[in-house]
N, C-alpha and C. Protein backbone atom coordinates (compact mmCIF):
# COMPACT_ATOMS: atom_id res chain seq x y z
N MET A 1 76.46 159.20 -50.74
CA MET A 1 77.23 160.65 -50.28
C MET A 1 77.17 160.20 -48.59
N GLN A 2 78.29 160.20 -48.64
CA GLN A 2 79.13 159.49 -47.08
C GLN A 2 79.95 160.59 -46.88
N ASP A 3 80.19 162.22 -47.55
CA ASP A 3 81.11 163.06 -46.47
C ASP A 3 80.28 164.45 -47.03
N PHE A 4 79.67 165.30 -46.82
CA PHE A 4 78.98 166.44 -47.45
C PHE A 4 79.09 167.03 -46.14
N ALA A 5 78.34 168.85 -45.99
CA ALA A 5 77.81 169.95 -45.51
C ALA A 5 77.08 169.78 -46.06
N ALA A 6 75.47 170.25 -44.93
CA ALA A 6 74.06 170.24 -45.66
C ALA A 6 73.92 171.50 -45.27
N ILE A 7 73.87 172.58 -45.88
CA ILE A 7 73.85 173.98 -45.10
C ILE A 7 72.36 174.30 -46.24
N ASP A 8 71.88 175.80 -44.98
CA ASP A 8 70.92 176.51 -45.22
C ASP A 8 70.77 177.44 -45.16
N PHE A 9 69.63 178.27 -45.83
CA PHE A 9 70.21 179.88 -45.56
C PHE A 9 68.54 180.64 -44.86
N GLU A 10 68.49 181.49 -44.41
CA GLU A 10 67.37 182.32 -43.77
C GLU A 10 67.68 183.74 -44.26
N THR A 11 66.46 184.19 -45.15
CA THR A 11 66.88 185.82 -45.54
C THR A 11 65.59 186.46 -44.74
N ALA A 12 66.51 187.40 -45.09
CA ALA A 12 65.89 189.35 -44.64
C ALA A 12 64.84 189.61 -45.55
N ASN A 13 64.75 189.37 -46.60
CA ASN A 13 63.59 190.37 -46.98
C ASN A 13 64.16 189.24 -48.42
N GLY A 14 63.18 190.19 -50.01
CA GLY A 14 63.53 189.15 -50.78
C GLY A 14 64.80 189.36 -51.51
N GLN A 15 65.82 190.61 -51.23
CA GLN A 15 67.36 189.93 -51.78
C GLN A 15 68.54 188.50 -51.10
N ARG A 16 68.46 187.75 -52.31
CA ARG A 16 69.04 186.86 -52.04
C ARG A 16 70.51 186.63 -51.19
N SER A 17 70.84 187.99 -51.34
CA SER A 17 72.25 188.74 -50.15
C SER A 17 71.92 189.40 -48.63
N SER A 18 70.76 188.93 -48.70
CA SER A 18 70.18 189.40 -46.44
C SER A 18 69.56 188.35 -46.41
N VAL A 19 71.36 187.57 -45.96
CA VAL A 19 71.23 186.55 -45.58
C VAL A 19 70.77 186.48 -43.76
N CYS A 20 69.45 186.01 -42.41
CA CYS A 20 70.09 186.44 -41.61
C CYS A 20 70.34 185.27 -40.43
N SER A 21 70.34 184.10 -40.93
CA SER A 21 70.65 183.07 -40.70
C SER A 21 70.97 181.94 -41.14
N VAL A 22 72.36 181.18 -40.66
CA VAL A 22 72.87 179.89 -41.27
C VAL A 22 72.90 178.72 -40.65
N GLY A 23 72.33 177.76 -41.51
CA GLY A 23 72.55 176.51 -40.56
C GLY A 23 73.24 175.39 -41.43
N LEU A 24 74.15 174.62 -40.17
CA LEU A 24 75.29 173.91 -41.61
C LEU A 24 75.38 172.45 -40.69
N VAL A 25 75.39 171.60 -41.03
CA VAL A 25 75.36 169.99 -40.36
C VAL A 25 76.59 169.74 -41.34
N VAL A 26 77.78 168.49 -40.61
CA VAL A 26 78.74 168.36 -41.03
C VAL A 26 78.80 166.94 -41.08
N VAL A 27 78.61 165.82 -42.28
CA VAL A 27 78.50 164.81 -42.50
C VAL A 27 80.04 163.75 -42.66
N ARG A 28 80.46 162.97 -42.56
CA ARG A 28 81.39 162.10 -42.35
C ARG A 28 81.75 160.44 -42.58
N ASN A 29 81.35 159.96 -43.12
CA ASN A 29 81.29 158.97 -43.05
C ASN A 29 80.23 157.97 -42.91
N GLY A 30 79.06 159.10 -43.03
CA GLY A 30 77.93 158.84 -42.99
C GLY A 30 76.79 158.84 -42.05
N LEU A 31 77.46 159.80 -40.84
CA LEU A 31 77.38 160.04 -39.49
C LEU A 31 77.38 162.30 -39.79
N ILE A 32 76.69 162.41 -38.52
CA ILE A 32 76.81 163.93 -38.52
C ILE A 32 78.18 164.03 -37.12
N VAL A 33 78.69 164.96 -37.58
CA VAL A 33 79.35 165.22 -36.25
C VAL A 33 79.95 166.08 -36.56
N ASP A 34 79.36 166.95 -37.31
CA ASP A 34 79.84 168.87 -36.13
C ASP A 34 78.03 169.40 -36.70
N THR A 35 77.99 170.77 -36.04
CA THR A 35 76.67 171.26 -36.55
C THR A 35 77.26 172.70 -36.28
N TYR A 36 77.02 174.06 -36.98
CA TYR A 36 76.61 175.11 -37.11
C TYR A 36 75.83 175.48 -37.39
N TYR A 37 75.55 176.77 -36.08
CA TYR A 37 74.53 177.46 -36.44
C TYR A 37 74.81 179.28 -36.31
N SER A 38 74.14 180.47 -36.74
CA SER A 38 75.11 181.65 -37.03
C SER A 38 73.73 182.61 -36.80
N LEU A 39 72.81 183.62 -36.15
CA LEU A 39 73.08 184.89 -36.93
C LEU A 39 73.31 185.84 -37.60
N ILE A 40 73.12 186.20 -38.39
CA ILE A 40 73.58 187.44 -39.21
C ILE A 40 73.39 188.63 -39.21
N LYS A 41 73.48 190.32 -39.85
CA LYS A 41 73.32 190.72 -40.05
C LYS A 41 72.87 191.23 -41.63
N PRO A 42 72.00 191.03 -42.18
CA PRO A 42 71.80 191.35 -43.27
C PRO A 42 72.24 192.07 -43.94
N GLU A 43 72.61 192.51 -45.42
CA GLU A 43 72.78 193.02 -46.72
C GLU A 43 71.86 193.14 -47.49
N PRO A 44 71.19 193.58 -48.01
CA PRO A 44 70.22 194.70 -46.79
C PRO A 44 70.09 194.54 -45.46
N ASN A 45 70.33 195.68 -45.15
CA ASN A 45 69.35 195.20 -43.38
C ASN A 45 67.84 195.44 -43.95
N TYR A 46 67.01 194.62 -43.67
CA TYR A 46 66.01 195.40 -43.50
C TYR A 46 65.45 194.10 -43.41
N TYR A 47 64.11 194.05 -43.01
CA TYR A 47 63.11 192.67 -42.62
C TYR A 47 61.44 193.05 -43.81
N ALA A 48 61.43 192.03 -44.82
CA ALA A 48 59.92 191.85 -45.10
C ALA A 48 59.11 191.62 -44.49
N GLY A 49 58.07 191.86 -44.26
CA GLY A 49 57.18 190.68 -43.77
C GLY A 49 56.59 189.75 -44.09
N PHE A 50 57.20 189.57 -45.98
CA PHE A 50 56.66 187.67 -45.50
C PHE A 50 57.63 187.09 -44.97
N CYS A 51 58.83 187.11 -45.62
CA CYS A 51 60.65 186.88 -44.57
C CYS A 51 60.09 186.51 -42.69
N GLN A 52 59.67 187.33 -41.83
CA GLN A 52 59.31 187.43 -40.36
C GLN A 52 58.99 186.49 -40.83
N GLU A 53 57.54 186.57 -41.05
CA GLU A 53 56.52 185.11 -41.02
C GLU A 53 56.76 184.06 -41.28
N VAL A 54 57.71 184.15 -42.65
CA VAL A 54 58.75 182.55 -42.72
C VAL A 54 58.72 182.09 -40.75
N HIS A 55 60.31 182.40 -40.90
CA HIS A 55 61.19 182.27 -40.12
C HIS A 55 61.07 182.87 -38.49
N GLY A 56 60.07 184.17 -38.29
CA GLY A 56 60.02 184.19 -37.40
C GLY A 56 61.01 185.91 -36.87
N LEU A 57 62.52 185.77 -37.80
CA LEU A 57 63.19 186.38 -37.35
C LEU A 57 63.35 187.89 -37.38
N SER A 58 64.34 189.01 -36.99
CA SER A 58 64.36 190.73 -36.85
C SER A 58 65.03 190.94 -36.25
N HIS A 59 65.03 192.54 -36.67
CA HIS A 59 66.26 193.71 -36.65
C HIS A 59 66.48 193.00 -34.84
N GLU A 60 65.72 193.21 -34.32
CA GLU A 60 65.96 192.34 -33.03
C GLU A 60 66.73 191.61 -32.83
N ASP A 61 66.89 190.30 -33.61
CA ASP A 61 67.72 189.37 -33.26
C ASP A 61 68.84 189.35 -33.84
N THR A 62 68.57 190.54 -34.88
CA THR A 62 70.45 190.27 -36.08
C THR A 62 70.98 191.67 -35.86
N ASP A 63 70.24 192.71 -34.62
CA ASP A 63 71.14 193.84 -35.21
C ASP A 63 72.07 194.06 -34.77
N ASN A 64 72.46 193.17 -33.25
CA ASN A 64 74.18 192.78 -33.04
C ASN A 64 74.45 191.28 -33.91
N ALA A 65 74.22 191.22 -34.52
CA ALA A 65 74.63 189.60 -34.89
C ALA A 65 75.98 189.77 -35.67
N PRO A 66 76.91 188.66 -35.93
CA PRO A 66 78.30 189.34 -36.82
C PRO A 66 77.46 189.57 -38.68
N LEU A 67 78.80 189.56 -39.58
CA LEU A 67 78.31 190.19 -40.58
C LEU A 67 78.76 188.67 -41.25
N PHE A 68 78.28 188.72 -42.51
CA PHE A 68 78.67 187.32 -42.39
C PHE A 68 80.24 186.84 -43.24
N PRO A 69 81.33 187.99 -43.58
CA PRO A 69 82.57 187.80 -43.63
C PRO A 69 82.98 186.94 -42.40
N ASP A 70 82.40 187.45 -41.41
CA ASP A 70 83.03 186.83 -40.04
C ASP A 70 82.54 185.37 -39.60
N VAL A 71 81.04 185.24 -39.87
CA VAL A 71 80.75 184.00 -39.67
C VAL A 71 81.29 182.85 -41.30
N TRP A 72 81.60 183.75 -42.27
CA TRP A 72 82.34 182.47 -43.47
C TRP A 72 83.17 182.06 -42.89
N ARG A 73 83.99 182.90 -41.85
CA ARG A 73 85.75 182.45 -41.51
C ARG A 73 85.37 181.23 -40.90
N GLN A 74 84.13 181.16 -40.07
CA GLN A 74 83.76 180.19 -38.99
C GLN A 74 83.40 179.16 -39.90
N ILE A 75 82.93 178.83 -40.64
CA ILE A 75 82.65 178.47 -41.68
C ILE A 75 83.10 177.02 -42.35
N GLU A 76 83.87 178.22 -43.21
CA GLU A 76 84.71 177.44 -44.27
C GLU A 76 85.82 176.73 -43.83
N PRO A 77 86.39 176.27 -42.96
CA PRO A 77 86.92 175.62 -42.46
C PRO A 77 86.26 174.01 -42.17
N LEU A 78 85.20 174.40 -41.92
CA LEU A 78 84.64 173.17 -41.10
C LEU A 78 83.95 171.93 -42.80
N ILE A 79 83.60 172.96 -43.73
CA ILE A 79 83.13 172.26 -45.35
C ILE A 79 84.47 172.42 -46.32
N GLU A 80 85.68 171.96 -45.75
CA GLU A 80 87.01 172.58 -46.59
C GLU A 80 86.64 170.96 -47.33
N GLY A 81 86.55 171.20 -48.63
CA GLY A 81 86.96 169.78 -49.09
C GLY A 81 85.58 168.56 -49.06
N LEU A 82 84.29 169.45 -48.72
CA LEU A 82 83.53 168.50 -48.95
C LEU A 82 81.73 169.21 -49.95
N SER A 83 81.68 168.36 -50.81
CA SER A 83 80.02 168.77 -51.48
C SER A 83 79.18 169.55 -50.26
N LEU A 84 78.35 171.21 -50.70
CA LEU A 84 77.41 171.34 -49.99
C LEU A 84 75.82 170.45 -50.52
N VAL A 85 74.57 170.44 -49.75
CA VAL A 85 73.68 169.79 -50.09
C VAL A 85 73.07 170.62 -49.35
N ALA A 86 71.56 171.21 -50.24
CA ALA A 86 70.54 171.36 -49.71
C ALA A 86 69.39 171.60 -50.43
N HIS A 87 68.41 171.79 -49.36
CA HIS A 87 66.71 171.54 -49.99
C HIS A 87 66.37 172.60 -50.66
N ASN A 88 66.34 172.32 -52.19
CA ASN A 88 66.08 173.63 -53.35
C ASN A 88 67.58 174.28 -53.43
N SER A 89 68.28 173.20 -54.07
CA SER A 89 70.28 173.96 -53.79
C SER A 89 70.22 175.62 -54.02
N SER A 90 69.31 175.39 -55.61
CA SER A 90 68.75 176.69 -56.33
C SER A 90 69.47 177.93 -55.27
N PHE A 91 68.76 178.14 -54.74
CA PHE A 91 68.21 178.74 -53.45
C PHE A 91 69.01 179.20 -52.57
N ASP A 92 69.83 178.45 -52.31
CA ASP A 92 70.78 178.07 -50.83
C ASP A 92 72.42 178.97 -51.84
N GLU A 93 72.60 178.25 -53.11
CA GLU A 93 73.94 178.93 -53.70
C GLU A 93 73.24 180.03 -53.92
N SER A 94 72.59 180.33 -55.12
CA SER A 94 72.33 181.73 -54.83
C SER A 94 72.77 182.63 -53.82
N CYS A 95 72.00 182.76 -52.61
CA CYS A 95 72.06 183.34 -51.88
C CYS A 95 73.78 183.23 -51.66
N LEU A 96 73.91 182.59 -51.13
CA LEU A 96 75.78 182.03 -50.58
C LEU A 96 76.41 183.11 -52.38
N ARG A 97 75.79 183.11 -53.12
CA ARG A 97 76.15 183.74 -54.25
C ARG A 97 76.76 185.48 -54.35
N ALA A 98 75.68 186.02 -53.98
CA ALA A 98 75.09 186.96 -53.63
C ALA A 98 75.87 187.55 -52.35
N VAL A 99 75.26 186.70 -51.33
CA VAL A 99 76.92 187.74 -50.10
C VAL A 99 77.91 187.78 -50.73
N PHE A 100 78.35 186.44 -51.08
CA PHE A 100 80.47 186.82 -51.35
C PHE A 100 80.69 188.14 -51.96
N GLY A 101 79.40 188.22 -53.17
CA GLY A 101 78.90 189.86 -54.03
C GLY A 101 79.33 190.99 -53.75
N VAL A 102 78.19 190.69 -52.70
CA VAL A 102 78.42 192.12 -51.86
C VAL A 102 79.29 192.73 -50.50
N TYR A 103 79.93 191.69 -50.26
CA TYR A 103 81.20 191.29 -49.59
C TYR A 103 82.47 191.44 -50.10
N GLN A 104 82.35 191.84 -51.57
CA GLN A 104 83.72 191.44 -52.43
C GLN A 104 84.30 190.59 -52.37
N MET A 105 83.98 189.48 -51.86
CA MET A 105 84.49 187.96 -51.81
C MET A 105 84.75 187.90 -52.84
N ASP A 106 86.24 186.70 -52.65
CA ASP A 106 86.26 185.64 -54.30
C ASP A 106 85.24 183.82 -54.24
N TYR A 107 84.62 183.95 -54.85
CA TYR A 107 83.53 182.89 -54.65
C TYR A 107 84.36 182.28 -55.29
N PRO A 108 84.36 180.31 -54.16
CA PRO A 108 85.17 179.34 -54.82
C PRO A 108 84.15 178.38 -55.19
N TYR A 109 83.15 178.79 -55.88
CA TYR A 109 82.16 176.87 -56.63
C TYR A 109 82.20 175.65 -56.15
N TYR A 110 81.44 176.30 -55.09
CA TYR A 110 81.27 174.83 -54.55
C TYR A 110 80.29 174.05 -55.18
N ASP A 111 80.41 172.69 -55.10
CA ASP A 111 79.65 171.82 -55.69
C ASP A 111 78.67 171.07 -54.62
N PHE A 112 77.35 171.64 -55.51
CA PHE A 112 76.13 170.90 -54.55
C PHE A 112 75.41 170.39 -55.13
N HIS A 113 74.30 169.61 -54.39
CA HIS A 113 73.96 168.65 -54.81
C HIS A 113 72.09 169.34 -54.19
N CYS A 114 71.29 168.45 -54.61
CA CYS A 114 69.63 169.28 -54.13
C CYS A 114 68.94 167.90 -53.79
N THR A 115 68.64 167.94 -52.66
CA THR A 115 67.85 167.05 -52.11
C THR A 115 65.87 167.03 -52.73
N CYS A 116 65.36 168.18 -53.04
CA CYS A 116 64.22 168.56 -53.16
C CYS A 116 64.26 167.45 -55.01
N ARG A 117 65.64 167.89 -56.00
CA ARG A 117 65.60 166.74 -57.33
C ARG A 117 66.44 165.99 -56.93
N ALA A 118 66.40 165.25 -55.97
CA ALA A 118 66.52 163.95 -55.47
C ALA A 118 65.69 163.57 -54.88
N SER A 119 64.51 163.98 -53.86
CA SER A 119 63.60 163.50 -53.59
C SER A 119 62.53 163.17 -54.50
N ARG A 120 62.45 164.45 -55.46
CA ARG A 120 61.35 164.04 -56.89
C ARG A 120 61.73 162.95 -57.44
N GLN A 121 62.97 162.32 -58.12
CA GLN A 121 63.52 161.07 -58.68
C GLN A 121 63.21 160.27 -58.25
N HIS A 122 63.35 160.14 -56.65
CA HIS A 122 63.52 159.04 -55.33
C HIS A 122 61.74 158.71 -55.27
N PHE A 123 61.54 159.74 -54.70
CA PHE A 123 60.12 159.29 -54.87
C PHE A 123 59.01 159.22 -55.74
N GLY A 124 59.22 160.26 -57.23
CA GLY A 124 58.28 160.53 -57.50
C GLY A 124 56.86 161.08 -56.66
N GLN A 125 55.77 160.36 -57.75
CA GLN A 125 54.30 160.61 -57.51
C GLN A 125 54.38 159.74 -56.14
N GLN A 126 54.94 159.68 -55.43
CA GLN A 126 54.73 159.03 -54.22
C GLN A 126 54.49 159.78 -53.18
N LEU A 127 54.80 161.02 -52.99
CA LEU A 127 54.64 162.50 -51.86
C LEU A 127 53.73 162.98 -52.23
N PRO A 128 52.81 163.50 -51.50
CA PRO A 128 51.69 164.92 -52.41
C PRO A 128 52.70 166.31 -52.60
N ASP A 129 53.72 166.43 -52.09
CA ASP A 129 54.49 167.53 -52.58
C ASP A 129 56.50 167.00 -52.23
N HIS A 130 57.12 167.84 -53.04
CA HIS A 130 58.77 167.38 -52.69
C HIS A 130 59.37 168.76 -51.16
N GLN A 131 58.22 169.62 -50.27
CA GLN A 131 59.10 170.13 -49.16
C GLN A 131 59.60 169.89 -48.55
N LEU A 132 60.54 170.34 -48.49
CA LEU A 132 61.12 169.60 -46.90
C LEU A 132 60.43 168.94 -45.62
N HIS A 133 59.92 169.36 -45.35
CA HIS A 133 58.96 169.12 -44.11
C HIS A 133 58.46 167.55 -44.25
N THR A 134 57.23 167.82 -45.75
CA THR A 134 57.12 166.47 -46.12
C THR A 134 58.60 165.02 -46.69
N VAL A 135 59.30 165.80 -47.27
CA VAL A 135 60.18 164.97 -47.72
C VAL A 135 61.22 164.05 -46.73
N ALA A 136 61.36 164.98 -45.36
CA ALA A 136 62.30 164.99 -44.47
C ALA A 136 61.00 163.28 -43.90
N ALA A 137 59.94 164.05 -43.30
CA ALA A 137 58.84 162.55 -42.76
C ALA A 137 58.38 161.46 -43.24
N ALA A 138 59.22 161.44 -45.11
CA ALA A 138 58.99 160.68 -45.69
C ALA A 138 60.32 159.43 -45.65
N CYS A 139 61.25 160.33 -44.97
CA CYS A 139 63.31 159.60 -44.37
C CYS A 139 63.04 158.63 -43.14
N GLY A 140 62.13 159.52 -42.66
CA GLY A 140 61.81 159.26 -41.07
C GLY A 140 62.06 159.93 -40.27
N TYR A 141 62.64 161.60 -40.95
CA TYR A 141 62.95 162.37 -39.78
C TYR A 141 61.68 163.27 -40.23
N PRO A 142 60.47 163.78 -38.74
CA PRO A 142 60.05 163.89 -38.39
C PRO A 142 60.12 165.45 -38.18
N MET A 143 60.14 166.60 -38.33
CA MET A 143 60.94 168.21 -38.44
C MET A 143 60.50 168.54 -37.26
N THR A 144 60.68 169.30 -36.59
CA THR A 144 59.51 169.57 -35.28
C THR A 144 59.76 171.32 -35.42
N ASN A 145 60.88 172.55 -35.78
CA ASN A 145 61.50 173.26 -35.83
C ASN A 145 61.51 173.98 -37.24
N HIS A 146 60.46 173.50 -38.17
CA HIS A 146 60.69 173.99 -39.59
C HIS A 146 61.31 175.56 -39.55
N HIS A 147 61.97 176.31 -40.42
CA HIS A 147 62.38 177.33 -41.42
C HIS A 147 63.56 178.26 -40.11
N HIS A 148 64.01 177.28 -39.51
CA HIS A 148 64.98 177.52 -38.72
C HIS A 148 66.05 177.02 -38.96
N ALA A 149 66.77 177.61 -39.46
CA ALA A 149 67.97 177.63 -40.88
C ALA A 149 68.73 176.10 -40.09
N LEU A 150 69.24 175.81 -38.79
CA LEU A 150 69.98 174.96 -38.51
C LEU A 150 69.12 173.39 -38.27
N ALA A 151 67.53 173.65 -37.69
CA ALA A 151 66.93 172.57 -37.88
C ALA A 151 66.60 171.92 -39.57
N ASP A 152 66.88 172.82 -40.58
CA ASP A 152 66.60 172.63 -41.77
C ASP A 152 67.57 171.90 -42.46
N ALA A 153 68.70 172.76 -41.99
CA ALA A 153 69.84 171.46 -42.56
C ALA A 153 70.25 170.45 -42.12
N GLU A 154 69.24 170.29 -41.43
CA GLU A 154 69.79 169.16 -40.12
C GLU A 154 68.47 167.95 -40.70
N ALA A 155 67.50 168.29 -41.27
CA ALA A 155 66.48 167.98 -42.17
C ALA A 155 67.04 167.55 -43.22
N CYS A 156 67.80 168.47 -43.82
CA CYS A 156 68.44 168.02 -45.18
C CYS A 156 70.13 166.75 -45.52
N ALA A 157 69.81 167.42 -44.27
CA ALA A 157 71.23 166.14 -43.92
C ALA A 157 70.40 164.62 -43.82
N ARG A 158 69.54 164.75 -42.98
CA ARG A 158 69.17 163.14 -43.12
C ARG A 158 68.41 163.02 -44.47
N ILE A 159 67.94 163.77 -45.15
CA ILE A 159 67.09 163.61 -45.97
C ILE A 159 68.66 162.89 -46.82
N ALA A 160 69.53 163.41 -47.68
CA ALA A 160 70.23 163.13 -48.33
C ALA A 160 71.41 161.95 -47.74
N MET A 161 71.19 161.39 -45.82
CA MET A 161 71.56 160.40 -45.64
C MET A 161 70.90 159.06 -46.61
N GLU A 162 69.50 159.32 -46.81
CA GLU A 162 68.91 158.72 -46.96
C GLU A 162 68.76 158.01 -48.75
N ILE A 163 69.02 159.26 -49.32
CA ILE A 163 68.31 159.18 -50.47
C ILE A 163 69.65 159.77 -51.89
N LEU A 164 71.01 160.38 -51.26
CA LEU A 164 71.46 160.76 -51.97
C LEU A 164 72.87 159.35 -52.08
């Protein structure tokens, strides 16, 4: 794949609609040409301890953040005509669908590709697992800020450039 956008969401709680941050990396002609990161006020707006332990975000970070529709208006032109890539894409796609539903936005049915599935096909049993940080390291991209949405999106983009 030469042209795509890698995307990653972090959620505030167990509800897929509770996106509290998004990272986006736009790749054109095999090169990273743009990045985008934003905190988002989640819906529903509460934080589960297990989510906070993963990404470290809390109400203090997102109470004054924009709502999802405002953030998506900035993202939409960046990804127009591109496939989306995510590590464990079923999670990120379900988050996107859920938050579109909460805000009664028409979902445009993006074409998603999964670097986790691609890793299983490409590396098979060569890796101890197919978690993002493991696959990124196998592709020559060691992660330094795992579970920050932009860092995860960049690692996903690097993986996709290697194995998709």
